[in-house]
Structures are given as C-alpha cells and as structure tokens.
Amino acid sequence: MKTKLWKAFWDYEKEEKWLNELSAKGLAMTDYTFCRYTFEDCIPGEYVYRIEYLEHRINHPESI
C-alpha cells in the first residue's frame, strides 16, 4: 500500500530521524517531491536512512 505524507524540514538530522522512525514501523520511502514523501510497506527496520548534504550538485565532479 502507498502512503503519501506532506512534511517540511529545516533540519536534516530531524528529517533523517523521522525517516528511520517510519522505517522501523514498516514504511519505506519510495519517492520525494518538494515536501511530499511517498512510502510503501516494507519489513520493519529493513532500511536505514542517512542524509548527506552535498556542497555541489550531484553531477558535479566533486560530488561523484
């Protein structure tokens, strides 16, 4: 089953904690678009999320 949640974060650590709490409850994030998260059912704790802030865009040579 898909679940969509709207939520905005200004703190990456709080967002990471929230994603991991949902993973522990059996929800895996499958998509993200400007404050809208989409989740699907999974085995509780199957995924661990870590957010890394990149100084440059993902396709920049220093980010690869």
N, C-alpha and C. Protein backbone atom coordinates (compact mmCIF):
# COMPACT_ATOMS: atom_id res chain seq x y z
N MET A 1 0.83 -1.18 0.00
CA MET A 1 0.00 0.00 0.00
C MET A 1 0.88 1.25 0.00
N LYS A 2 0.52 2.25 -0.78
CA LYS A 2 1.27 3.51 -0.82
C LYS A 2 0.67 4.50 0.17
N THR A 3 1.56 5.23 0.82
CA THR A 3 1.17 6.26 1.78
C THR A 3 1.89 7.54 1.39
N LYS A 4 1.15 8.65 1.28
CA LYS A 4 1.77 9.94 0.96
C LYS A 4 1.63 10.86 2.16
N LEU A 5 2.73 11.48 2.54
CA LEU A 5 2.76 12.40 3.67
C LEU A 5 3.41 13.70 3.24
N TRP A 6 2.81 14.80 3.65
CA TRP A 6 3.37 16.13 3.38
C TRP A 6 4.05 16.62 4.65
N LYS A 7 5.34 16.96 4.54
CA LYS A 7 6.08 17.42 5.71
C LYS A 7 7.28 18.23 5.24
N ALA A 8 7.58 19.31 5.94
CA ALA A 8 8.73 20.16 5.62
C ALA A 8 9.72 20.12 6.77
N PHE A 9 10.99 20.02 6.43
CA PHE A 9 12.05 20.00 7.44
C PHE A 9 13.05 21.10 7.14
N TRP A 10 13.58 21.71 8.18
CA TRP A 10 14.67 22.67 8.05
C TRP A 10 15.94 22.09 8.66
N ASP A 11 15.82 20.95 9.31
CA ASP A 11 16.94 20.31 10.00
C ASP A 11 17.11 18.90 9.43
N TYR A 12 18.23 18.64 8.78
CA TYR A 12 18.48 17.34 8.15
C TYR A 12 18.50 16.20 9.17
N GLU A 13 19.00 16.46 10.35
CA GLU A 13 19.06 15.41 11.37
C GLU A 13 17.65 14.99 11.82
N LYS A 14 16.74 15.95 11.94
CA LYS A 14 15.37 15.62 12.32
C LYS A 14 14.67 14.86 11.21
N GLU A 15 14.94 15.23 9.96
CA GLU A 15 14.35 14.52 8.83
C GLU A 15 14.85 13.08 8.78
N GLU A 16 16.14 12.90 8.98
CA GLU A 16 16.74 11.56 8.99
C GLU A 16 16.13 10.71 10.11
N LYS A 17 15.99 11.30 11.28
CA LYS A 17 15.40 10.57 12.41
C LYS A 17 13.96 10.16 12.10
N TRP A 18 13.17 11.08 11.52
CA TRP A 18 11.79 10.79 11.16
C TRP A 18 11.70 9.66 10.14
N LEU A 19 12.55 9.70 9.12
CA LEU A 19 12.55 8.63 8.10
C LEU A 19 12.88 7.28 8.72
N ASN A 20 13.83 7.25 9.63
CA ASN A 20 14.20 6.00 10.28
C ASN A 20 13.11 5.50 11.24
N GLU A 21 12.39 6.41 11.86
CA GLU A 21 11.26 6.01 12.71
C GLU A 21 10.17 5.35 11.87
N LEU A 22 9.89 5.91 10.69
CA LEU A 22 8.90 5.33 9.80
C LEU A 22 9.36 3.99 9.26
N SER A 23 10.65 3.87 8.97
CA SER A 23 11.19 2.59 8.50
C SER A 23 11.03 1.53 9.59
N ALA A 24 11.25 1.90 10.84
CA ALA A 24 11.10 0.96 11.95
C ALA A 24 9.64 0.51 12.10
N LYS A 25 8.70 1.33 11.62
CA LYS A 25 7.27 0.98 11.67
C LYS A 25 6.83 0.23 10.42
N GLY A 26 7.76 0.04 9.45
CA GLY A 26 7.41 -0.72 8.26
C GLY A 26 7.03 0.11 7.05
N LEU A 27 7.54 1.35 6.96
CA LEU A 27 7.29 2.20 5.80
C LEU A 27 8.62 2.60 5.16
N ALA A 28 8.78 2.26 3.87
CA ALA A 28 10.00 2.59 3.13
C ALA A 28 9.71 3.74 2.16
N MET A 29 10.55 4.77 2.16
CA MET A 29 10.36 5.89 1.26
C MET A 29 10.69 5.46 -0.17
N THR A 30 9.77 5.75 -1.09
CA THR A 30 9.98 5.39 -2.49
C THR A 30 10.09 6.61 -3.39
N ASP A 31 9.64 7.78 -2.91
CA ASP A 31 9.70 8.98 -3.74
C ASP A 31 9.64 10.21 -2.85
N TYR A 32 10.25 11.30 -3.34
CA TYR A 32 10.19 12.58 -2.64
C TYR A 32 10.08 13.68 -3.67
N THR A 33 9.13 14.59 -3.48
CA THR A 33 8.98 15.77 -4.32
C THR A 33 8.53 16.91 -3.44
N PHE A 34 9.33 17.92 -3.31
CA PHE A 34 9.06 19.12 -2.52
C PHE A 34 8.03 18.92 -1.40
N CYS A 35 8.51 18.45 -0.29
CA CYS A 35 7.74 18.26 0.94
C CYS A 35 6.71 17.13 0.88
N ARG A 36 6.67 16.36 -0.20
CA ARG A 36 5.75 15.22 -0.29
C ARG A 36 6.56 13.93 -0.35
N TYR A 37 6.37 13.11 0.65
CA TYR A 37 7.06 11.83 0.75
C TYR A 37 6.08 10.72 0.40
N THR A 38 6.54 9.76 -0.38
CA THR A 38 5.73 8.59 -0.70
C THR A 38 6.40 7.37 -0.10
N PHE A 39 5.61 6.56 0.59
CA PHE A 39 6.12 5.37 1.28
C PHE A 39 5.34 4.14 0.82
N GLU A 40 6.00 3.00 0.89
CA GLU A 40 5.35 1.71 0.68
C GLU A 40 5.69 0.81 1.84
N ASP A 41 4.84 -0.18 2.07
CA ASP A 41 5.07 -1.13 3.15
C ASP A 41 6.37 -1.89 2.94
N CYS A 42 7.06 -2.17 4.03
CA CYS A 42 8.30 -2.95 4.00
C CYS A 42 8.42 -3.71 5.32
N ILE A 43 9.43 -4.52 5.42
CA ILE A 43 9.74 -5.20 6.67
C ILE A 43 10.22 -4.13 7.65
N PRO A 44 9.66 -4.07 8.86
CA PRO A 44 10.10 -3.05 9.82
C PRO A 44 11.62 -3.06 10.01
N GLY A 45 12.23 -1.88 9.86
CA GLY A 45 13.67 -1.74 10.04
C GLY A 45 14.50 -2.22 8.87
N GLU A 46 13.86 -2.53 7.75
CA GLU A 46 14.59 -3.04 6.58
C GLU A 46 15.56 -2.00 6.02
N TYR A 47 15.22 -0.73 6.14
CA TYR A 47 16.06 0.34 5.59
C TYR A 47 16.53 1.27 6.70
N VAL A 48 17.74 1.78 6.52
CA VAL A 48 18.30 2.80 7.40
C VAL A 48 18.63 3.99 6.50
N TYR A 49 18.13 5.15 6.86
CA TYR A 49 18.32 6.35 6.04
C TYR A 49 19.40 7.24 6.62
N ARG A 50 20.23 7.77 5.73
CA ARG A 50 21.26 8.74 6.09
C ARG A 50 21.20 9.86 5.06
N ILE A 51 21.16 11.08 5.52
CA ILE A 51 21.11 12.23 4.63
C ILE A 51 22.48 12.89 4.63
N GLU A 52 22.99 13.10 3.43
CA GLU A 52 24.29 13.74 3.28
C GLU A 52 24.10 15.04 2.52
N TYR A 53 24.54 16.14 3.09
CA TYR A 53 24.45 17.44 2.44
C TYR A 53 25.64 17.58 1.50
N LEU A 54 25.37 17.80 0.22
CA LEU A 54 26.43 17.97 -0.78
C LEU A 54 26.64 19.45 -1.04
N GLU A 55 27.89 19.84 -1.10
CA GLU A 55 28.22 21.23 -1.36
C GLU A 55 27.88 21.63 -2.80
N HIS A 56 28.00 20.66 -3.72
CA HIS A 56 27.74 20.91 -5.14
C HIS A 56 26.61 19.98 -5.60
N ARG A 57 26.10 20.25 -6.79
CA ARG A 57 25.05 19.40 -7.37
C ARG A 57 25.57 17.97 -7.50
N ILE A 58 24.66 17.02 -7.58
CA ILE A 58 25.01 15.60 -7.61
C ILE A 58 25.89 15.24 -8.81
N ASN A 59 25.74 15.92 -9.94
CA ASN A 59 26.53 15.59 -11.14
C ASN A 59 27.84 16.37 -11.22
N HIS A 60 28.14 17.17 -10.23
CA HIS A 60 29.39 17.92 -10.18
C HIS A 60 30.54 16.95 -9.89
N PRO A 61 31.71 17.13 -10.53
CA PRO A 61 32.85 16.20 -10.31
C PRO A 61 33.25 16.02 -8.85
N GLU A 62 33.10 17.03 -8.02
CA GLU A 62 33.47 16.91 -6.62
C GLU A 62 32.46 16.11 -5.81
N SER A 63 31.27 15.88 -6.36
CA SER A 63 30.25 15.12 -5.65
C SER A 63 30.26 13.64 -6.03
N ILE A 64 30.96 13.30 -7.08
CA ILE A 64 30.96 11.91 -7.57
C ILE A 64 31.94 11.06 -6.80
